[in-house]
Amino acid sequence: MSNFLDDLFAKIFNTSGNTPVNHKENIVLKDVDREKVRGWMQTEEFRELVAKIYKSYHFKKAQIEEKPQVHIFDSIYAKGFAISYDEPLNEETFSLLFLAFAQRVLALSYRQVSFDRKMEEINGKVKVTEKFYFKPPLKALEEGELISQLYGRISVEKILTDNQPSYLKVLATFYSDRLYQDPKPYDQFLDLLFDATTDGQK
């Protein structure tokens, strides 16, 4: 991945025109990376890290700052959080946690719609966003039955700025269409996402 980023950084900063460079491509998660993150999710390091982040999340709701710093998004149609790159995260656990969150969402019966990488130049800095996007599973419905949206549509993002880790973001966006049931409680989604003692299924 570093060679890919280095090449794109060179193209961006060697561009003679003033048009910002934007690049987007699909990603395929390698089996070796999938197995690595699954193994890591069985370790004490993972359990301690998610417990600390979840603690930081609840402290943030009480207006108390902890490391790593957590930012909360809360609106009628979307809820989520972002985790700043800070202690005790390092570059490896930052990337592993991103993949672990994606694995947890899959364990909740979601289907992966896309996994892509976007690079864009913003105010002289290069922002790279890797993003998983998930939707509830498709299933046959009885006549008059509303569609289950589970916890809504879920996105999991990893953001780098100038090739340095910046933050992770998890966002649940709710369907407002009358064809859908109300979403399940967001707090339940968080409990399952951060529960390091199970495989995330319920």
C-alpha atoms as a PDB file:
ATOM      1  CA  MET A   1       0.000   0.000   0.000  1.00  0.00           C
ATOM      2  CA  SER A   2       2.859   2.393   0.773  1.00  0.00           C
ATOM      3  CA  ASN A   3       4.150   2.237  -2.811  1.00  0.00           C
ATOM      4  CA  PHE A   4       0.660   3.006  -4.091  1.00  0.00           C
ATOM      5  CA  LEU A   5       0.416   6.045  -1.833  1.00  0.00           C
ATOM      6  CA  ASP A   6       3.927   7.208  -2.639  1.00  0.00           C
ATOM      7  CA  ASP A   7       3.175   7.087  -6.364  1.00  0.00           C
ATOM      8  CA  LEU A   8      -0.042   9.047  -5.963  1.00  0.00           C
ATOM      9  CA  PHE A   9       1.588  11.591  -3.682  1.00  0.00           C
ATOM     10  CA  ALA A  10       4.245  12.160  -6.338  1.00  0.00           C
ATOM     11  CA  LYS A  11       1.612  12.625  -9.038  1.00  0.00           C
ATOM     12  CA  ILE A  12      -0.309  15.104  -6.922  1.00  0.00           C
ATOM     13  CA  PHE A  13       2.588  17.280  -5.893  1.00  0.00           C
ATOM     14  CA  ASN A  14       4.246  17.183  -9.307  1.00  0.00           C
ATOM     15  CA  THR A  15       1.100  18.337 -11.090  1.00  0.00           C
ATOM     16  CA  SER A  16       1.722  21.565 -12.953  1.00  0.00           C
ATOM     17  CA  GLY A  17      -1.946  22.627 -13.144  1.00  0.00           C
ATOM     18  CA  ASN A  18      -4.085  23.998 -10.339  1.00  0.00           C
ATOM     19  CA  THR A  19      -6.775  21.321 -10.539  1.00  0.00           C
ATOM     20  CA  PRO A  20      -6.841  19.221  -7.359  1.00  0.00           C
ATOM     21  CA  VAL A  21      -6.195  15.550  -7.986  1.00  0.00           C
ATOM     22  CA  ASN A  22      -8.900  13.059  -6.997  1.00  0.00           C
ATOM     23  CA  HIS A  23      -8.555   9.305  -7.294  1.00  0.00           C
ATOM     24  CA  LYS A  24     -10.883   6.510  -6.234  1.00  0.00           C
ATOM     25  CA  GLU A  25     -10.553   2.757  -6.603  1.00  0.00           C
ATOM     26  CA  ASN A  26     -12.115  -0.419  -5.296  1.00  0.00           C
ATOM     27  CA  ILE A  27     -10.159  -2.592  -2.853  1.00  0.00           C
ATOM     28  CA  VAL A  28     -10.265  -6.345  -2.322  1.00  0.00           C
ATOM     29  CA  LEU A  29      -9.349  -7.435   1.201  1.00  0.00           C
ATOM     30  CA  LYS A  30      -6.663 -10.108   1.031  1.00  0.00           C
ATOM     31  CA  ASP A  31      -7.248 -13.440   2.762  1.00  0.00           C
ATOM     32  CA  VAL A  32      -4.008 -13.015   4.719  1.00  0.00           C
ATOM     33  CA  ASP A  33      -5.233  -9.658   6.101  1.00  0.00           C
ATOM     34  CA  ARG A  34      -8.620 -11.140   6.945  1.00  0.00           C
ATOM     35  CA  GLU A  35      -7.008 -14.008   8.846  1.00  0.00           C
ATOM     36  CA  LYS A  36      -4.597 -11.638  10.600  1.00  0.00           C
ATOM     37  CA  VAL A  37      -7.364  -9.423  11.939  1.00  0.00           C
ATOM     38  CA  ARG A  38      -9.467 -12.419  13.010  1.00  0.00           C
ATOM     39  CA  GLY A  39      -6.506 -13.737  14.972  1.00  0.00           C
ATOM     40  CA  TRP A  40      -5.865 -10.330  16.513  1.00  0.00           C
ATOM     41  CA  MET A  41      -9.490 -10.097  17.616  1.00  0.00           C
ATOM     42  CA  GLN A  42      -8.840 -13.121  19.871  1.00  0.00           C
ATOM     43  CA  THR A  43      -5.972 -11.395  21.725  1.00  0.00           C
ATOM     44  CA  GLU A  44      -5.877  -9.577  25.039  1.00  0.00           C
ATOM     45  CA  GLU A  45      -4.494  -6.522  23.214  1.00  0.00           C
ATOM     46  CA  PHE A  46      -7.705  -6.253  21.179  1.00  0.00           C
ATOM     47  CA  ARG A  47      -9.940  -6.746  24.206  1.00  0.00           C
ATOM     48  CA  GLU A  48      -8.122  -4.082  26.214  1.00  0.00           C
ATOM     49  CA  LEU A  49      -8.115  -1.632  23.311  1.00  0.00           C
ATOM     50  CA  VAL A  50     -11.835  -1.832  22.528  1.00  0.00           C
ATOM     51  CA  ALA A  51     -12.653  -1.607  26.246  1.00  0.00           C
ATOM     52  CA  LYS A  52     -10.579   1.557  26.538  1.00  0.00           C
ATOM     53  CA  ILE A  53     -12.164   3.122  23.452  1.00  0.00           C
ATOM     54  CA  TYR A  54     -15.673   2.276  24.640  1.00  0.00           C
ATOM     55  CA  LYS A  55     -14.812   3.840  27.996  1.00  0.00           C
ATOM     56  CA  SER A  56     -13.607   6.963  26.164  1.00  0.00           C
ATOM     57  CA  TYR A  57     -16.885   7.030  24.225  1.00  0.00           C
ATOM     58  CA  HIS A  58     -18.972   7.071  27.398  1.00  0.00           C
ATOM     59  CA  PHE A  59     -16.687   9.637  29.024  1.00  0.00           C
ATOM     60  CA  LYS A  60     -17.140  11.847  25.951  1.00  0.00           C
ATOM     61  CA  LYS A  61     -20.926  11.689  26.399  1.00  0.00           C
ATOM     62  CA  ALA A  62     -20.298  13.070  29.901  1.00  0.00           C
ATOM     63  CA  GLN A  63     -18.065  15.848  28.439  1.00  0.00           C
ATOM     64  CA  ILE A  64     -14.893  14.213  29.786  1.00  0.00           C
ATOM     65  CA  GLU A  65     -11.902  13.788  27.470  1.00  0.00           C
ATOM     66  CA  GLU A  66      -9.909  10.539  27.509  1.00  0.00           C
ATOM     67  CA  LYS A  67      -7.317   8.977  25.204  1.00  0.00           C
ATOM     68  CA  PRO A  68      -7.872   8.050  22.501  1.00  0.00           C
ATOM     69  CA  GLN A  69     -10.175  11.009  21.925  1.00  0.00           C
ATOM     70  CA  VAL A  70     -13.640  10.086  20.671  1.00  0.00           C
ATOM     71  CA  HIS A  71     -15.980  12.388  18.736  1.00  0.00           C
ATOM     72  CA  ILE A  72     -19.716  11.660  18.674  1.00  0.00           C
ATOM     73  CA  PHE A  73     -22.177  12.238  15.803  1.00  0.00           C
ATOM     74  CA  ASP A  74     -25.844  12.352  16.759  1.00  0.00           C
ATOM     75  CA  SER A  75     -28.730  13.419  14.525  1.00  0.00           C
ATOM     76  CA  ILE A  76     -32.199  12.206  13.615  1.00  0.00           C
ATOM     77  CA  TYR A  77     -31.035  10.223  10.597  1.00  0.00           C
ATOM     78  CA  ALA A  78     -27.457   9.280  11.520  1.00  0.00           C
ATOM     79  CA  LYS A  79     -25.423   8.358  14.577  1.00  0.00           C
ATOM     80  CA  GLY A  80     -21.779   7.461  14.881  1.00  0.00           C
ATOM     81  CA  PHE A  81     -18.378   8.208  16.306  1.00  0.00           C
ATOM     82  CA  ALA A  82     -14.806   8.934  15.298  1.00  0.00           C
ATOM     83  CA  ILE A  83     -11.632   7.843  17.088  1.00  0.00           C
ATOM     84  CA  SER A  84      -8.605  10.114  16.826  1.00  0.00           C
ATOM     85  CA  TYR A  85      -5.220   8.514  16.224  1.00  0.00           C
ATOM     86  CA  ASP A  86      -3.725   8.739  19.693  1.00  0.00           C
ATOM     87  CA  GLU A  87      -2.379   6.561  22.494  1.00  0.00           C
ATOM     88  CA  PRO A  88      -2.701   3.627  22.931  1.00  0.00           C
ATOM     89  CA  LEU A  89      -3.190   3.223  19.158  1.00  0.00           C
ATOM     90  CA  ASN A  90      -0.194   2.710  16.905  1.00  0.00           C
ATOM     91  CA  GLU A  91      -0.082   2.400  13.117  1.00  0.00           C
ATOM     92  CA  GLU A  92      -0.613  -1.364  13.189  1.00  0.00           C
ATOM     93  CA  THR A  93      -3.490  -1.426  15.694  1.00  0.00           C
ATOM     94  CA  PHE A  94      -5.073   1.592  13.948  1.00  0.00           C
ATOM     95  CA  SER A  95      -5.343  -0.418  10.731  1.00  0.00           C
ATOM     96  CA  LEU A  96      -6.305  -3.647  12.498  1.00  0.00           C
ATOM     97  CA  LEU A  97      -9.082  -1.926  14.440  1.00  0.00           C
ATOM     98  CA  PHE A  98     -10.484  -0.570  11.170  1.00  0.00           C
ATOM     99  CA  LEU A  99     -10.678  -4.104   9.770  1.00  0.00           C
ATOM    100  CA  ALA A 100     -11.985  -5.474  13.076  1.00  0.00           C
ATOM    101  CA  PHE A 101     -14.927  -3.062  13.050  1.00  0.00           C
ATOM    102  CA  ALA A 102     -15.739  -4.210   9.512  1.00  0.00           C
ATOM    103  CA  GLN A 103     -15.636  -7.857  10.615  1.00  0.00           C
ATOM    104  CA  ARG A 104     -17.973  -7.058  13.509  1.00  0.00           C
ATOM    105  CA  VAL A 105     -20.512  -5.435  11.165  1.00  0.00           C
ATOM    106  CA  LEU A 106     -20.423  -8.508   8.909  1.00  0.00           C
ATOM    107  CA  ALA A 107     -21.073 -10.681  11.980  1.00  0.00           C
ATOM    108  CA  LEU A 108     -24.318  -8.747  12.503  1.00  0.00           C
ATOM    109  CA  SER A 109     -25.672 -10.245   9.228  1.00  0.00           C
ATOM    110  CA  TYR A 110     -24.862  -7.190   7.122  1.00  0.00           C
ATOM    111  CA  ARG A 111     -23.795  -7.480   3.498  1.00  0.00           C
ATOM    112  CA  GLN A 112     -20.752  -5.602   2.237  1.00  0.00           C
ATOM    113  CA  VAL A 113     -21.694  -3.325  -0.667  1.00  0.00           C
ATOM    114  CA  SER A 114     -18.284  -1.806  -1.312  1.00  0.00           C
ATOM    115  CA  PHE A 115     -14.729  -1.357  -0.064  1.00  0.00           C
ATOM    116  CA  ASP A 116     -12.858   1.489  -1.688  1.00  0.00           C
ATOM    117  CA  ARG A 117     -10.035   3.977  -1.320  1.00  0.00           C
ATOM    118  CA  LYS A 118     -10.291   7.660  -2.184  1.00  0.00           C
ATOM    119  CA  MET A 119      -7.418  10.117  -2.388  1.00  0.00           C
ATOM    120  CA  GLU A 120      -8.020  13.845  -2.597  1.00  0.00           C
ATOM    121  CA  GLU A 121      -6.009  17.020  -2.193  1.00  0.00           C
ATOM    122  CA  ILE A 122      -7.527  19.440   0.332  1.00  0.00           C
ATOM    123  CA  ASN A 123      -5.830  22.729   1.235  1.00  0.00           C
ATOM    124  CA  GLY A 124      -2.440  21.406   0.214  1.00  0.00           C
ATOM    125  CA  LYS A 125      -2.802  18.185   2.175  1.00  0.00           C
ATOM    126  CA  VAL A 126      -3.520  14.719   0.834  1.00  0.00           C
ATOM    127  CA  LYS A 127      -6.455  12.946   2.462  1.00  0.00           C
ATOM    128  CA  VAL A 128      -6.797   9.196   1.922  1.00  0.00           C
ATOM    129  CA  THR A 129     -10.045   7.528   2.961  1.00  0.00           C
ATOM    130  CA  GLU A 130     -10.523   3.764   2.973  1.00  0.00           C
ATOM    131  CA  LYS A 131     -14.191   2.904   3.427  1.00  0.00           C
ATOM    132  CA  PHE A 132     -16.329  -0.179   3.956  1.00  0.00           C
ATOM    133  CA  TYR A 133     -20.023   0.300   3.209  1.00  0.00           C
ATOM    134  CA  PHE A 134     -22.651  -2.168   4.446  1.00  0.00           C
ATOM    135  CA  LYS A 135     -26.388  -2.601   3.994  1.00  0.00           C
ATOM    136  CA  PRO A 136     -28.890  -4.879   5.746  1.00  0.00           C
ATOM    137  CA  PRO A 137     -29.390  -8.315   4.160  1.00  0.00           C
ATOM    138  CA  LEU A 138     -31.913  -8.822   1.388  1.00  0.00           C
ATOM    139  CA  LYS A 139     -34.726 -11.279   2.060  1.00  0.00           C
ATOM    140  CA  ALA A 140     -38.132 -12.200   0.689  1.00  0.00           C
ATOM    141  CA  LEU A 141     -41.015 -10.406   2.394  1.00  0.00           C
ATOM    142  CA  GLU A 142     -44.564 -11.399   3.127  1.00  0.00           C
ATOM    143  CA  GLU A 143     -47.284  -9.150   1.696  1.00  0.00           C
ATOM    144  CA  GLY A 144     -47.441  -5.945   3.725  1.00  0.00           C
ATOM    145  CA  GLU A 145     -44.285  -6.786   5.705  1.00  0.00           C
ATOM    146  CA  LEU A 146     -41.889  -3.910   6.280  1.00  0.00           C
ATOM    147  CA  ILE A 147     -38.198  -4.270   5.464  1.00  0.00           C
ATOM    148  CA  SER A 148     -35.824  -4.680   8.396  1.00  0.00           C
ATOM    149  CA  GLN A 149     -33.030  -2.121   8.315  1.00  0.00           C
ATOM    150  CA  LEU A 150     -31.302  -3.610  11.389  1.00  0.00           C
ATOM    151  CA  TYR A 151     -29.243  -0.640  12.648  1.00  0.00           C
ATOM    152  CA  GLY A 152     -29.357   1.235   9.327  1.00  0.00           C
ATOM    153  CA  ARG A 153     -26.666   1.475   6.674  1.00  0.00           C
ATOM    154  CA  ILE A 154     -23.187   1.242   8.181  1.00  0.00           C
ATOM    155  CA  SER A 155     -19.947   2.790   6.976  1.00  0.00           C
ATOM    156  CA  VAL A 156     -16.524   2.151   8.504  1.00  0.00           C
ATOM    157  CA  GLU A 157     -13.740   4.535   7.461  1.00  0.00           C
ATOM    158  CA  LYS A 158     -10.009   4.906   8.002  1.00  0.00           C
ATOM    159  CA  ILE A 159      -8.579   8.355   7.240  1.00  0.00           C
ATOM    160  CA  LEU A 160      -4.943   9.232   6.634  1.00  0.00           C
ATOM    161  CA  THR A 161      -3.629  12.780   6.161  1.00  0.00           C
ATOM    162  CA  ASP A 162      -0.324  13.195   4.323  1.00  0.00           C
ATOM    163  CA  ASN A 163       0.228   9.459   4.711  1.00  0.00           C
ATOM    164  CA  GLN A 164      -0.173   9.616   8.510  1.00  0.00           C
ATOM    165  CA  PRO A 165      -3.042   8.022  10.505  1.00  0.00           C
ATOM    166  CA  SER A 166      -5.699  10.581  11.397  1.00  0.00           C
ATOM    167  CA  TYR A 167      -8.924   8.966  12.629  1.00  0.00           C
ATOM    168  CA  LEU A 168     -11.386   6.080  12.291  1.00  0.00           C
ATOM    169  CA  LYS A 169     -15.098   6.673  11.804  1.00  0.00           C
ATOM    170  CA  VAL A 170     -18.155   4.440  12.156  1.00  0.00           C
ATOM    171  CA  LEU A 171     -21.505   5.843  11.028  1.00  0.00           C
ATOM    172  CA  ALA A 172     -25.025   4.392  11.031  1.00  0.00           C
ATOM    173  CA  THR A 173     -27.402   6.127   8.611  1.00  0.00           C
ATOM    174  CA  PHE A 174     -31.090   5.363   8.977  1.00  0.00           C
ATOM    175  CA  TYR A 175     -33.695   4.770   6.289  1.00  0.00           C
ATOM    176  CA  SER A 176     -36.668   7.127   6.625  1.00  0.00           C
ATOM    177  CA  ASP A 177     -38.702   5.410   3.897  1.00  0.00           C
ATOM    178  CA  ARG A 178     -42.055   4.016   5.066  1.00  0.00           C
ATOM    179  CA  LEU A 179     -41.153   0.676   3.524  1.00  0.00           C
ATOM    180  CA  TYR A 180     -38.659   0.108   6.351  1.00  0.00           C
ATOM    181  CA  GLN A 181     -39.081  -0.798   9.982  1.00  0.00           C
ATOM    182  CA  ASP A 182     -37.614   1.560  12.552  1.00  0.00           C
ATOM    183  CA  PRO A 183     -33.920   0.846  13.163  1.00  0.00           C
ATOM    184  CA  LYS A 184     -32.888  -1.240  16.122  1.00  0.00           C
ATOM    185  CA  PRO A 185     -31.468   0.766  19.052  1.00  0.00           C
ATOM    186  CA  TYR A 186     -28.126   2.383  18.234  1.00  0.00           C
ATOM    187  CA  ASP A 187     -26.829   1.674  21.744  1.00  0.00           C
ATOM    188  CA  GLN A 188     -27.381  -2.033  21.092  1.00  0.00           C
ATOM    189  CA  PHE A 189     -25.287  -1.737  17.931  1.00  0.00           C
ATOM    190  CA  LEU A 190     -22.489  -0.124  19.926  1.00  0.00           C
ATOM    191  CA  ASP A 191     -22.617  -2.827  22.596  1.00  0.00           C
ATOM    192  CA  LEU A 192     -22.212  -5.522  19.933  1.00  0.00           C
ATOM    193  CA  LEU A 193     -19.521  -3.614  18.050  1.00  0.00           C
ATOM    194  CA  PHE A 194     -17.396  -3.212  21.179  1.00  0.00           C
ATOM    195  CA  ASP A 195     -18.130  -6.535  22.868  1.00  0.00           C
ATOM    196  CA  ALA A 196     -14.743  -8.250  22.797  1.00  0.00           C
ATOM    197  CA  THR A 197     -16.042 -11.426  24.452  1.00  0.00           C
ATOM    198  CA  THR A 198     -18.256 -12.603  21.580  1.00  0.00           C
ATOM    199  CA  ASP A 199     -18.166 -12.855  17.817  1.00  0.00           C
ATOM    200  CA  GLY A 200     -20.556  -9.876  17.626  1.00  0.00           C
ATOM    201  CA  GLN A 201     -23.647 -11.891  16.708  1.00  0.00           C
ATOM    202  CA  LYS A 202     -27.021 -11.519  18.324  1.00  0.00           C
END
